[in-house]
Amino acid sequence: MGGNPLRAKHEQALAAARIHEAAANSAFDKASALQDEAAALDSLGESDAALARINEALQLADPAKSKDLIATKAGILFSLNDPQQALSILAPEIEKTREFAARNPQLARVGVLGTYTEGFVTATFAHIQLQQWKAAIDTLADAEAPLEGPSFYAYRALVYRYIMARAHDPALANPRLERDATYHVANDKNQYGVLLRIWQGEDALKALSIVNAGLSGEERQEAEAEEQFYLGAYAKFVKGDADAARSRLRILDGIAPYGSIEWVYGKRVLQ
């Protein structure tokens, strides 16, 4: 792979954010630069420093226009292993987003929910860590990203399969997410489709190698990291093989996918 593409990406983002902060001539511009700096620091594993920067940004920002800053802070809190506090600060913004979305027709509703993808995804993982399975599924179902296209929805289907495997409660099944998962098993040609097949019990590891061979740089690093987490989770929570899960975690640590929520969370559950 050569170096660590994701680390280099976040280091570049941090340097750019600091330049923007130094040049900022308004509270809005400085808050925006501080948010970018906080996100980069968090991705680089410097989450305490990131928390200080995002708090500084929130002090500068208009409270009525700070939902994106709050999503960034929630992600940092999740990195710091405080999922409950992450949910506490996200809850009002998620509720407002849902209420606004509910007043729109279906297509517009998806677009409204898609304005807060980061918030919904972080909240989903926080609920997962707290083993609040119904809340995790309900939150995941509202995680929309229409501009990202099918790959996001294939990823969402994979997260759903993980939650259902952990929950051990068929009554929690979400019909729309079930349909999505079935669709992406057959139609997604990236790592998510292959991983969904593996979660159905297929032996499809060779297909993952083929997918990875077509990727490079940070794209390949991100894909391989997701693969190791979901393979490890399948081994531990479906097959009952904790040793295999730990082996996958060692590989994941070797990949060192800076900025990956699966890496942050994987260290907590694949041990």
C-alpha atoms as a PDB file:
ATOM      1  CA  MET A   1       0.000   0.000   0.000  1.00  0.00           C
ATOM      2  CA  GLY A   2       2.903   2.307   0.725  1.00  0.00           C
ATOM      3  CA  GLY A   3       2.691   4.450   3.841  1.00  0.00           C
ATOM      4  CA  ASN A   4      -0.692   5.112   5.376  1.00  0.00           C
ATOM      5  CA  PRO A   5      -2.929   6.959   2.886  1.00  0.00           C
ATOM      6  CA  LEU A   6      -5.679   7.725   5.410  1.00  0.00           C
ATOM      7  CA  ARG A   7      -3.241   9.117   7.966  1.00  0.00           C
ATOM      8  CA  ALA A   8      -1.669  11.296   5.262  1.00  0.00           C
ATOM      9  CA  LYS A   9      -5.119  12.509   4.185  1.00  0.00           C
ATOM     10  CA  HIS A  10      -6.068  13.568   7.715  1.00  0.00           C
ATOM     11  CA  GLU A  11      -2.667  15.178   8.327  1.00  0.00           C
ATOM     12  CA  GLN A  12      -3.167  17.251   5.176  1.00  0.00           C
ATOM     13  CA  ALA A  13      -6.675  18.194   6.326  1.00  0.00           C
ATOM     14  CA  LEU A  14      -5.293  19.265   9.706  1.00  0.00           C
ATOM     15  CA  ALA A  15      -2.624  21.447   8.114  1.00  0.00           C
ATOM     16  CA  ALA A  16      -5.202  23.059   5.800  1.00  0.00           C
ATOM     17  CA  ALA A  17      -7.591  23.699   8.702  1.00  0.00           C
ATOM     18  CA  ARG A  18      -4.862  25.445  10.687  1.00  0.00           C
ATOM     19  CA  ILE A  19      -4.063  27.677   7.726  1.00  0.00           C
ATOM     20  CA  HIS A  20      -7.751  28.554   7.388  1.00  0.00           C
ATOM     21  CA  GLU A  21      -8.010  29.230  11.106  1.00  0.00           C
ATOM     22  CA  ALA A  22      -5.066  31.628  10.989  1.00  0.00           C
ATOM     23  CA  ALA A  23      -6.630  33.472   8.041  1.00  0.00           C
ATOM     24  CA  ALA A  24     -10.196  33.548   9.412  1.00  0.00           C
ATOM     25  CA  ASN A  25     -11.639  37.055   9.681  1.00  0.00           C
ATOM     26  CA  SER A  26     -15.070  36.212  11.089  1.00  0.00           C
ATOM     27  CA  ALA A  27     -16.449  34.074  13.896  1.00  0.00           C
ATOM     28  CA  PHE A  28     -18.185  31.854  11.325  1.00  0.00           C
ATOM     29  CA  ASP A  29     -14.970  31.252   9.371  1.00  0.00           C
ATOM     30  CA  LYS A  30     -12.989  30.521  12.522  1.00  0.00           C
ATOM     31  CA  ALA A  31     -15.640  28.115  13.826  1.00  0.00           C
ATOM     32  CA  SER A  32     -15.641  26.304  10.480  1.00  0.00           C
ATOM     33  CA  ALA A  33     -11.846  25.999  10.516  1.00  0.00           C
ATOM     34  CA  LEU A  34     -11.883  24.782  14.115  1.00  0.00           C
ATOM     35  CA  GLN A  35     -14.480  22.151  13.198  1.00  0.00           C
ATOM     36  CA  ASP A  36     -12.267  20.879  10.386  1.00  0.00           C
ATOM     37  CA  GLU A  37      -9.284  20.882  12.745  1.00  0.00           C
ATOM     38  CA  ALA A  38     -11.240  18.951  15.378  1.00  0.00           C
ATOM     39  CA  ALA A  39     -12.415  16.357  12.854  1.00  0.00           C
ATOM     40  CA  ALA A  40      -8.870  15.825  11.580  1.00  0.00           C
ATOM     41  CA  LEU A  41      -7.420  15.553  15.094  1.00  0.00           C
ATOM     42  CA  ASP A  42     -10.099  13.020  16.037  1.00  0.00           C
ATOM     43  CA  SER A  43      -9.375  10.963  12.935  1.00  0.00           C
ATOM     44  CA  LEU A  44      -5.674  10.982  13.869  1.00  0.00           C
ATOM     45  CA  GLY A  45      -6.476   9.604  17.311  1.00  0.00           C
ATOM     46  CA  GLU A  46      -5.950  12.896  19.151  1.00  0.00           C
ATOM     47  CA  SER A  47      -9.504  13.031  20.443  1.00  0.00           C
ATOM     48  CA  ASP A  48      -8.867  15.013  23.644  1.00  0.00           C
ATOM     49  CA  ALA A  49      -7.317  17.817  21.606  1.00  0.00           C
ATOM     50  CA  ALA A  50     -10.179  17.487  19.127  1.00  0.00           C
ATOM     51  CA  LEU A  51     -12.748  17.942  21.890  1.00  0.00           C
ATOM     52  CA  ALA A  52     -11.105  21.174  23.012  1.00  0.00           C
ATOM     53  CA  ARG A  53     -11.159  22.535  19.451  1.00  0.00           C
ATOM     54  CA  ILE A  54     -14.792  21.646  18.775  1.00  0.00           C
ATOM     55  CA  ASN A  55     -15.849  23.209  22.081  1.00  0.00           C
ATOM     56  CA  GLU A  56     -14.054  26.373  21.011  1.00  0.00           C
ATOM     57  CA  ALA A  57     -15.910  26.258  17.689  1.00  0.00           C
ATOM     58  CA  LEU A  58     -19.269  25.833  19.425  1.00  0.00           C
ATOM     59  CA  GLN A  59     -18.601  28.907  21.573  1.00  0.00           C
ATOM     60  CA  LEU A  60     -18.104  30.960  18.401  1.00  0.00           C
ATOM     61  CA  ALA A  61     -21.008  29.538  16.395  1.00  0.00           C
ATOM     62  CA  ASP A  62     -24.638  30.616  16.275  1.00  0.00           C
ATOM     63  CA  PRO A  63     -26.441  27.979  18.408  1.00  0.00           C
ATOM     64  CA  ALA A  64     -29.257  27.859  15.846  1.00  0.00           C
ATOM     65  CA  LYS A  65     -26.781  26.856  13.125  1.00  0.00           C
ATOM     66  CA  SER A  66     -24.498  24.455  14.941  1.00  0.00           C
ATOM     67  CA  LYS A  67     -26.003  21.043  14.205  1.00  0.00           C
ATOM     68  CA  ASP A  68     -23.023  20.027  12.056  1.00  0.00           C
ATOM     69  CA  LEU A  69     -20.637  21.073  14.826  1.00  0.00           C
ATOM     70  CA  ILE A  70     -22.672  18.975  17.248  1.00  0.00           C
ATOM     71  CA  ALA A  71     -22.378  15.958  14.941  1.00  0.00           C
ATOM     72  CA  THR A  72     -18.607  16.431  14.875  1.00  0.00           C
ATOM     73  CA  LYS A  73     -18.518  16.683  18.674  1.00  0.00           C
ATOM     74  CA  ALA A  74     -20.648  13.545  19.006  1.00  0.00           C
ATOM     75  CA  GLY A  75     -18.192  11.631  16.838  1.00  0.00           C
ATOM     76  CA  ILE A  76     -15.349  12.798  19.071  1.00  0.00           C
ATOM     77  CA  LEU A  77     -17.244  11.739  22.188  1.00  0.00           C
ATOM     78  CA  PHE A  78     -17.791   8.318  20.620  1.00  0.00           C
ATOM     79  CA  SER A  79     -14.044   8.083  19.958  1.00  0.00           C
ATOM     80  CA  LEU A  80     -13.507   8.945  23.632  1.00  0.00           C
ATOM     81  CA  ASN A  81     -15.772   5.999  24.549  1.00  0.00           C
ATOM     82  CA  ASP A  82     -18.656   8.136  25.803  1.00  0.00           C
ATOM     83  CA  PRO A  83     -21.561   6.920  23.640  1.00  0.00           C
ATOM     84  CA  GLN A  84     -24.190   8.090  26.130  1.00  0.00           C
ATOM     85  CA  GLN A  85     -22.993  11.693  26.031  1.00  0.00           C
ATOM     86  CA  ALA A  86     -22.760  11.497  22.232  1.00  0.00           C
ATOM     87  CA  LEU A  87     -26.424  10.478  22.143  1.00  0.00           C
ATOM     88  CA  SER A  88     -27.390  13.187  24.618  1.00  0.00           C
ATOM     89  CA  ILE A  89     -26.077  16.006  22.442  1.00  0.00           C
ATOM     90  CA  LEU A  90     -27.334  14.442  19.203  1.00  0.00           C
ATOM     91  CA  ALA A  91     -30.877  13.758  20.420  1.00  0.00           C
ATOM     92  CA  PRO A  92     -32.315  17.292  19.985  1.00  0.00           C
ATOM     93  CA  GLU A  93     -30.809  17.666  16.485  1.00  0.00           C
ATOM     94  CA  ILE A  94     -31.977  14.222  15.373  1.00  0.00           C
ATOM     95  CA  GLU A  95     -35.468  14.932  16.691  1.00  0.00           C
ATOM     96  CA  LYS A  96     -35.638  18.262  14.827  1.00  0.00           C
ATOM     97  CA  THR A  97     -34.387  16.631  11.624  1.00  0.00           C
ATOM     98  CA  ARG A  98     -36.966  13.841  11.891  1.00  0.00           C
ATOM     99  CA  GLU A  99     -39.787  16.285  12.599  1.00  0.00           C
ATOM    100  CA  PHE A 100     -38.886  18.424   9.589  1.00  0.00           C
ATOM    101  CA  ALA A 101     -38.522  15.337   7.383  1.00  0.00           C
ATOM    102  CA  ALA A 102     -41.948  14.058   8.449  1.00  0.00           C
ATOM    103  CA  ARG A 103     -43.580  17.210   7.082  1.00  0.00           C
ATOM    104  CA  ASN A 104     -42.263  16.461   3.578  1.00  0.00           C
ATOM    105  CA  PRO A 105     -43.262  13.985   0.855  1.00  0.00           C
ATOM    106  CA  GLN A 106     -41.164  10.805   0.689  1.00  0.00           C
ATOM    107  CA  LEU A 107     -38.514  11.954  -1.807  1.00  0.00           C
ATOM    108  CA  ALA A 108     -38.014  15.247  -0.010  1.00  0.00           C
ATOM    109  CA  ARG A 109     -38.042  13.403   3.316  1.00  0.00           C
ATOM    110  CA  VAL A 110     -35.021  11.363   2.257  1.00  0.00           C
ATOM    111  CA  GLY A 111     -33.225  14.551   1.269  1.00  0.00           C
ATOM    112  CA  VAL A 112     -33.944  16.182   4.628  1.00  0.00           C
ATOM    113  CA  LEU A 113     -32.700  13.158   6.569  1.00  0.00           C
ATOM    114  CA  GLY A 114     -29.651  13.150   4.303  1.00  0.00           C
ATOM    115  CA  THR A 115     -28.618  16.543   5.653  1.00  0.00           C
ATOM    116  CA  TYR A 116     -27.627  14.827   8.904  1.00  0.00           C
ATOM    117  CA  THR A 117     -26.028  11.563   7.803  1.00  0.00           C
ATOM    118  CA  GLU A 118     -23.066  11.935  10.149  1.00  0.00           C
ATOM    119  CA  GLY A 119     -25.342  12.479  13.135  1.00  0.00           C
ATOM    120  CA  PHE A 120     -27.516   9.452  12.396  1.00  0.00           C
ATOM    121  CA  VAL A 121     -24.535   7.145  11.763  1.00  0.00           C
ATOM    122  CA  THR A 122     -22.745   8.190  14.956  1.00  0.00           C
ATOM    123  CA  ALA A 123     -25.976   7.791  16.931  1.00  0.00           C
ATOM    124  CA  THR A 124     -26.469   4.322  15.440  1.00  0.00           C
ATOM    125  CA  PHE A 125     -23.042   3.177  16.605  1.00  0.00           C
ATOM    126  CA  ALA A 126     -23.595   4.747  20.034  1.00  0.00           C
ATOM    127  CA  HIS A 127     -26.860   2.811  20.409  1.00  0.00           C
ATOM    128  CA  ILE A 128     -25.073  -0.343  19.216  1.00  0.00           C
ATOM    129  CA  GLN A 129     -22.337   0.028  21.813  1.00  0.00           C
ATOM    130  CA  LEU A 130     -24.967   0.514  24.517  1.00  0.00           C
ATOM    131  CA  GLN A 131     -26.799  -2.560  23.141  1.00  0.00           C
ATOM    132  CA  GLN A 132     -29.951  -0.524  22.537  1.00  0.00           C
ATOM    133  CA  TRP A 133     -30.884  -2.620  19.531  1.00  0.00           C
ATOM    134  CA  LYS A 134     -34.306  -1.210  18.653  1.00  0.00           C
ATOM    135  CA  ALA A 135     -33.045   2.363  18.879  1.00  0.00           C
ATOM    136  CA  ALA A 136     -30.027   1.388  16.772  1.00  0.00           C
ATOM    137  CA  ILE A 137     -32.243  -0.029  14.011  1.00  0.00           C
ATOM    138  CA  ASP A 138     -34.670   2.900  14.092  1.00  0.00           C
ATOM    139  CA  THR A 139     -31.772   5.349  13.865  1.00  0.00           C
ATOM    140  CA  LEU A 140     -30.033   3.398  11.110  1.00  0.00           C
ATOM    141  CA  ALA A 141     -33.272   3.336   9.106  1.00  0.00           C
ATOM    142  CA  ASP A 142     -33.246   7.145   9.118  1.00  0.00           C
ATOM    143  CA  ALA A 143     -29.598   7.369   8.031  1.00  0.00           C
ATOM    144  CA  GLU A 144     -29.922   8.582   4.457  1.00  0.00           C
ATOM    145  CA  ALA A 145     -27.255   9.708   2.003  1.00  0.00           C
ATOM    146  CA  PRO A 146     -28.869  10.018  -1.434  1.00  0.00           C
ATOM    147  CA  LEU A 147     -25.904  11.891  -2.904  1.00  0.00           C
ATOM    148  CA  GLU A 148     -23.542   9.026  -2.044  1.00  0.00           C
ATOM    149  CA  GLY A 149     -25.564   6.588  -4.104  1.00  0.00           C
ATOM    150  CA  PRO A 150     -25.981   2.816  -3.757  1.00  0.00           C
ATOM    151  CA  SER A 151     -22.727   2.157  -1.890  1.00  0.00           C
ATOM    152  CA  PHE A 152     -23.991   3.932   1.228  1.00  0.00           C
ATOM    153  CA  TYR A 153     -27.172   1.857   1.230  1.00  0.00           C
ATOM    154  CA  ALA A 154     -25.207  -1.369   0.792  1.00  0.00           C
ATOM    155  CA  TYR A 155     -23.079  -0.302   3.770  1.00  0.00           C
ATOM    156  CA  ARG A 156     -26.223   0.491   5.749  1.00  0.00           C
ATOM    157  CA  ALA A 157     -27.568  -2.997   4.975  1.00  0.00           C
ATOM    158  CA  LEU A 158     -24.364  -4.537   6.328  1.00  0.00           C
ATOM    159  CA  VAL A 159     -24.582  -2.540   9.570  1.00  0.00           C
ATOM    160  CA  TYR A 160     -28.203  -3.711   9.843  1.00  0.00           C
ATOM    161  CA  ARG A 161     -27.169  -7.357   9.504  1.00  0.00           C
ATOM    162  CA  TYR A 162     -24.631  -6.808  12.278  1.00  0.00           C
ATOM    163  CA  ILE A 163     -27.235  -5.271  14.600  1.00  0.00           C
ATOM    164  CA  MET A 164     -29.719  -8.081  13.968  1.00  0.00           C
ATOM    165  CA  ALA A 165     -27.054 -10.696  14.687  1.00  0.00           C
ATOM    166  CA  ARG A 166     -26.271  -9.025  18.000  1.00  0.00           C
ATOM    167  CA  ALA A 167     -29.907  -8.437  18.974  1.00  0.00           C
ATOM    168  CA  HIS A 168     -31.094 -12.077  18.655  1.00  0.00           C
ATOM    169  CA  ASP A 169     -34.653 -10.769  18.271  1.00  0.00           C
ATOM    170  CA  PRO A 170     -36.437 -11.361  14.931  1.00  0.00           C
ATOM    171  CA  ALA A 171     -39.249  -9.071  16.107  1.00  0.00           C
ATOM    172  CA  LEU A 172     -36.896  -6.101  15.605  1.00  0.00           C
ATOM    173  CA  ALA A 173     -36.613  -6.753  11.853  1.00  0.00           C
ATOM    174  CA  ASN A 174     -37.164  -3.652   9.728  1.00  0.00           C
ATOM    175  CA  PRO A 175     -38.952  -4.576   6.461  1.00  0.00           C
ATOM    176  CA  ARG A 176     -37.306  -1.800   4.426  1.00  0.00           C
ATOM    177  CA  LEU A 177     -33.811  -2.623   5.663  1.00  0.00           C
ATOM    178  CA  GLU A 178     -34.496  -6.335   5.048  1.00  0.00           C
ATOM    179  CA  ARG A 179     -35.451  -5.540   1.439  1.00  0.00           C
ATOM    180  CA  ASP A 180     -32.343  -3.398   1.059  1.00  0.00           C
ATOM    181  CA  ALA A 181     -30.111  -6.173   2.374  1.00  0.00           C
ATOM    182  CA  THR A 182     -31.647  -8.713  -0.021  1.00  0.00           C
ATOM    183  CA  TYR A 183     -31.228  -6.304  -2.925  1.00  0.00           C
ATOM    184  CA  HIS A 184     -27.584  -5.487  -2.204  1.00  0.00           C
ATOM    185  CA  VAL A 185     -26.600  -9.134  -1.767  1.00  0.00           C
ATOM    186  CA  ALA A 186     -27.530  -9.606  -5.412  1.00  0.00           C
ATOM    187  CA  ASN A 187     -26.576  -6.227  -6.845  1.00  0.00           C
ATOM    188  CA  ASP A 188     -23.698  -4.611  -4.947  1.00  0.00           C
ATOM    189  CA  LYS A 189     -20.408  -5.372  -6.704  1.00  0.00           C
ATOM    190  CA  ASN A 190     -18.198  -3.834  -4.018  1.00  0.00           C
ATOM    191  CA  GLN A 191     -17.049  -5.205  -0.673  1.00  0.00           C
ATOM    192  CA  TYR A 192     -20.463  -4.687   0.915  1.00  0.00           C
ATOM    193  CA  GLY A 193     -22.237  -7.118  -1.389  1.00  0.00           C
ATOM    194  CA  VAL A 194     -19.564  -9.742  -0.757  1.00  0.00           C
ATOM    195  CA  LEU A 195     -19.690  -9.205   3.010  1.00  0.00           C
ATOM    196  CA  LEU A 196     -23.476  -9.500   2.965  1.00  0.00           C
ATOM    197  CA  ARG A 197     -23.092 -12.846   1.204  1.00  0.00           C
ATOM    198  CA  ILE A 198     -20.620 -13.975   3.859  1.00  0.00           C
ATOM    199  CA  TRP A 199     -23.123 -12.956   6.538  1.00  0.00           C
ATOM    200  CA  GLN A 200     -25.595 -15.266   4.778  1.00  0.00           C
ATOM    201  CA  GLY A 201     -23.145 -18.120   5.254  1.00  0.00           C
ATOM    202  CA  GLU A 202     -21.459 -18.139   1.838  1.00  0.00           C
ATOM    203  CA  ASP A 203     -17.733 -18.762   1.460  1.00  0.00           C
ATOM    204  CA  ALA A 204     -16.884 -15.634  -0.510  1.00  0.00           C
ATOM    205  CA  LEU A 205     -13.444 -14.590   0.778  1.00  0.00           C
ATOM    206  CA  LYS A 206     -11.906 -14.993  -2.672  1.00  0.00           C
ATOM    207  CA  ALA A 207     -14.412 -12.472  -4.025  1.00  0.00           C
ATOM    208  CA  LEU A 208     -13.180  -9.932  -1.453  1.00  0.00           C
ATOM    209  CA  SER A 209      -9.634 -10.336  -2.760  1.00  0.00           C
ATOM    210  CA  ILE A 210     -10.876  -9.607  -6.273  1.00  0.00           C
ATOM    211  CA  VAL A 211     -12.670  -6.458  -5.093  1.00  0.00           C
ATOM    212  CA  ASN A 212      -9.577  -5.257  -3.215  1.00  0.00           C
ATOM    213  CA  ALA A 213      -7.330  -5.831  -6.220  1.00  0.00           C
ATOM    214  CA  GLY A 214      -9.295  -3.173  -8.094  1.00  0.00           C
ATOM    215  CA  LEU A 215      -8.773  -0.554  -5.382  1.00  0.00           C
ATOM    216  CA  SER A 216      -5.800   1.538  -4.301  1.00  0.00           C
ATOM    217  CA  GLY A 217      -4.738   4.145  -1.763  1.00  0.00           C
ATOM    218  CA  GLU A 218      -7.173   5.311   0.877  1.00  0.00           C
ATOM    219  CA  GLU A 219     -10.102   3.638  -0.914  1.00  0.00           C
ATOM    220  CA  ARG A 220      -8.456   0.230  -0.560  1.00  0.00           C
ATOM    221  CA  GLN A 221      -7.430   0.944   3.034  1.00  0.00           C
ATOM    222  CA  GLU A 222     -10.999   1.865   3.986  1.00  0.00           C
ATOM    223  CA  ALA A 223     -12.416  -1.203   2.228  1.00  0.00           C
ATOM    224  CA  GLU A 224      -9.954  -3.602   3.856  1.00  0.00           C
ATOM    225  CA  ALA A 225     -10.659  -2.085   7.276  1.00  0.00           C
ATOM    226  CA  GLU A 226     -14.409  -2.530   6.909  1.00  0.00           C
ATOM    227  CA  GLU A 227     -13.856  -6.074   5.706  1.00  0.00           C
ATOM    228  CA  GLN A 228     -11.727  -7.026   8.701  1.00  0.00           C
ATOM    229  CA  PHE A 229     -14.223  -5.578  11.171  1.00  0.00           C
ATOM    230  CA  TYR A 230     -17.272  -7.294   9.656  1.00  0.00           C
ATOM    231  CA  LEU A 231     -15.417 -10.582   9.145  1.00  0.00           C
ATOM    232  CA  GLY A 232     -14.314 -10.428  12.776  1.00  0.00           C
ATOM    233  CA  ALA A 233     -17.813  -9.577  13.951  1.00  0.00           C
ATOM    234  CA  TYR A 234     -19.255 -12.467  11.933  1.00  0.00           C
ATOM    235  CA  ALA A 235     -16.693 -14.832  13.433  1.00  0.00           C
ATOM    236  CA  LYS A 236     -17.425 -13.740  17.001  1.00  0.00           C
ATOM    237  CA  PHE A 237     -21.141 -13.052  17.065  1.00  0.00           C
ATOM    238  CA  VAL A 238     -22.450 -15.525  14.479  1.00  0.00           C
ATOM    239  CA  LYS A 239     -19.919 -18.383  14.527  1.00  0.00           C
ATOM    240  CA  GLY A 240     -18.878 -17.996  18.179  1.00  0.00           C
ATOM    241  CA  ASP A 241     -15.165 -17.922  17.307  1.00  0.00           C
ATOM    242  CA  ALA A 242     -13.572 -15.282  19.549  1.00  0.00           C
ATOM    243  CA  ASP A 243     -10.025 -16.280  18.522  1.00  0.00           C
ATOM    244  CA  ALA A 244     -10.804 -15.610  14.857  1.00  0.00           C
ATOM    245  CA  ALA A 245     -12.287 -12.248  15.831  1.00  0.00           C
ATOM    246  CA  ARG A 246      -9.099 -11.293  17.678  1.00  0.00           C
ATOM    247  CA  SER A 247      -7.060 -12.332  14.640  1.00  0.00           C
ATOM    248  CA  ARG A 248      -9.158 -10.013  12.482  1.00  0.00           C
ATOM    249  CA  LEU A 249      -8.618  -7.209  14.996  1.00  0.00           C
ATOM    250  CA  ARG A 250      -4.848  -7.682  14.758  1.00  0.00           C
ATOM    251  CA  ILE A 251      -5.096  -7.337  10.989  1.00  0.00           C
ATOM    252  CA  LEU A 252      -7.333  -4.279  11.412  1.00  0.00           C
ATOM    253  CA  ASP A 253      -4.772  -2.702  13.754  1.00  0.00           C
ATOM    254  CA  GLY A 254      -2.108  -3.374  11.137  1.00  0.00           C
ATOM    255  CA  ILE A 255      -4.169  -1.598   8.479  1.00  0.00           C
ATOM    256  CA  ALA A 256      -4.535   1.366  10.895  1.00  0.00           C
ATOM    257  CA  PRO A 257      -7.458   3.024   9.072  1.00  0.00           C
ATOM    258  CA  TYR A 258      -7.332   6.463  10.693  1.00  0.00           C
ATOM    259  CA  GLY A 259     -10.810   7.990  10.841  1.00  0.00           C
ATOM    260  CA  SER A 260     -12.672   4.665  10.614  1.00  0.00           C
ATOM    261  CA  ILE A 261     -15.534   4.202  13.074  1.00  0.00           C
ATOM    262  CA  GLU A 262     -15.182   0.440  12.596  1.00  0.00           C
ATOM    263  CA  TRP A 263     -11.604   0.638  13.912  1.00  0.00           C
ATOM    264  CA  VAL A 264     -12.643   2.722  16.916  1.00  0.00           C
ATOM    265  CA  TYR A 265     -15.548   0.404  17.718  1.00  0.00           C
ATOM    266  CA  GLY A 266     -13.772  -2.787  16.688  1.00  0.00           C
ATOM    267  CA  LYS A 267     -11.159  -2.340  19.418  1.00  0.00           C
ATOM    268  CA  ARG A 268     -14.002  -2.472  21.934  1.00  0.00           C
ATOM    269  CA  VAL A 269     -15.865  -5.547  20.699  1.00  0.00           C
ATOM    270  CA  LEU A 270     -13.425  -7.815  18.851  1.00  0.00           C
ATOM    271  CA  GLN A 271     -11.046  -8.215  21.817  1.00  0.00           C
END
